[in-house]
Amino acid sequence: MPLVPMVIEQTNRGERSYDIYS
């Protein structure tokens, strides 16, 4: 899932982005 890490880098949050995509 390359979209997950891409969003994390764009939002600069990681944990919050990962939770949403999780």
C-alpha atoms as a PDB file:
ATOM      1  CA  MET A   1       0.000   0.000   0.000  1.00  0.00           C
ATOM      2  CA  PRO A   2       2.142   2.905  -1.249  1.00  0.00           C
ATOM      3  CA  LEU A   3      -0.714   5.332  -0.677  1.00  0.00           C
ATOM      4  CA  VAL A   4      -0.443   5.014   3.098  1.00  0.00           C
ATOM      5  CA  PRO A   5       3.184   6.203   3.429  1.00  0.00           C
ATOM      6  CA  MET A   6       2.616   8.880   0.769  1.00  0.00           C
ATOM      7  CA  VAL A   7      -0.202  10.437   2.775  1.00  0.00           C
ATOM      8  CA  ILE A   8       1.801  10.210   5.989  1.00  0.00           C
ATOM      9  CA  GLU A   9       4.635  12.217   4.427  1.00  0.00           C
ATOM     10  CA  GLN A  10       2.213  14.770   2.982  1.00  0.00           C
ATOM     11  CA  THR A  11       0.402  15.308   6.273  1.00  0.00           C
ATOM     12  CA  ASN A  12       3.602  15.135   8.342  1.00  0.00           C
ATOM     13  CA  ARG A  13       1.668  13.284  11.034  1.00  0.00           C
ATOM     14  CA  GLY A  14       2.099   9.559  10.309  1.00  0.00           C
ATOM     15  CA  GLU A  15       0.200   8.251  13.296  1.00  0.00           C
ATOM     16  CA  ARG A  16      -2.961  10.284  12.522  1.00  0.00           C
ATOM     17  CA  SER A  17      -2.798   9.493   8.796  1.00  0.00           C
ATOM     18  CA  TYR A  18      -2.099   5.820   9.490  1.00  0.00           C
ATOM     19  CA  ASP A  19      -5.126   5.621  11.789  1.00  0.00           C
ATOM     20  CA  ILE A  20      -7.390   7.073   9.105  1.00  0.00           C
ATOM     21  CA  TYR A  21      -6.112   4.673   6.444  1.00  0.00           C
ATOM     22  CA  SER A  22      -6.024   1.767   8.867  1.00  0.00           C
END
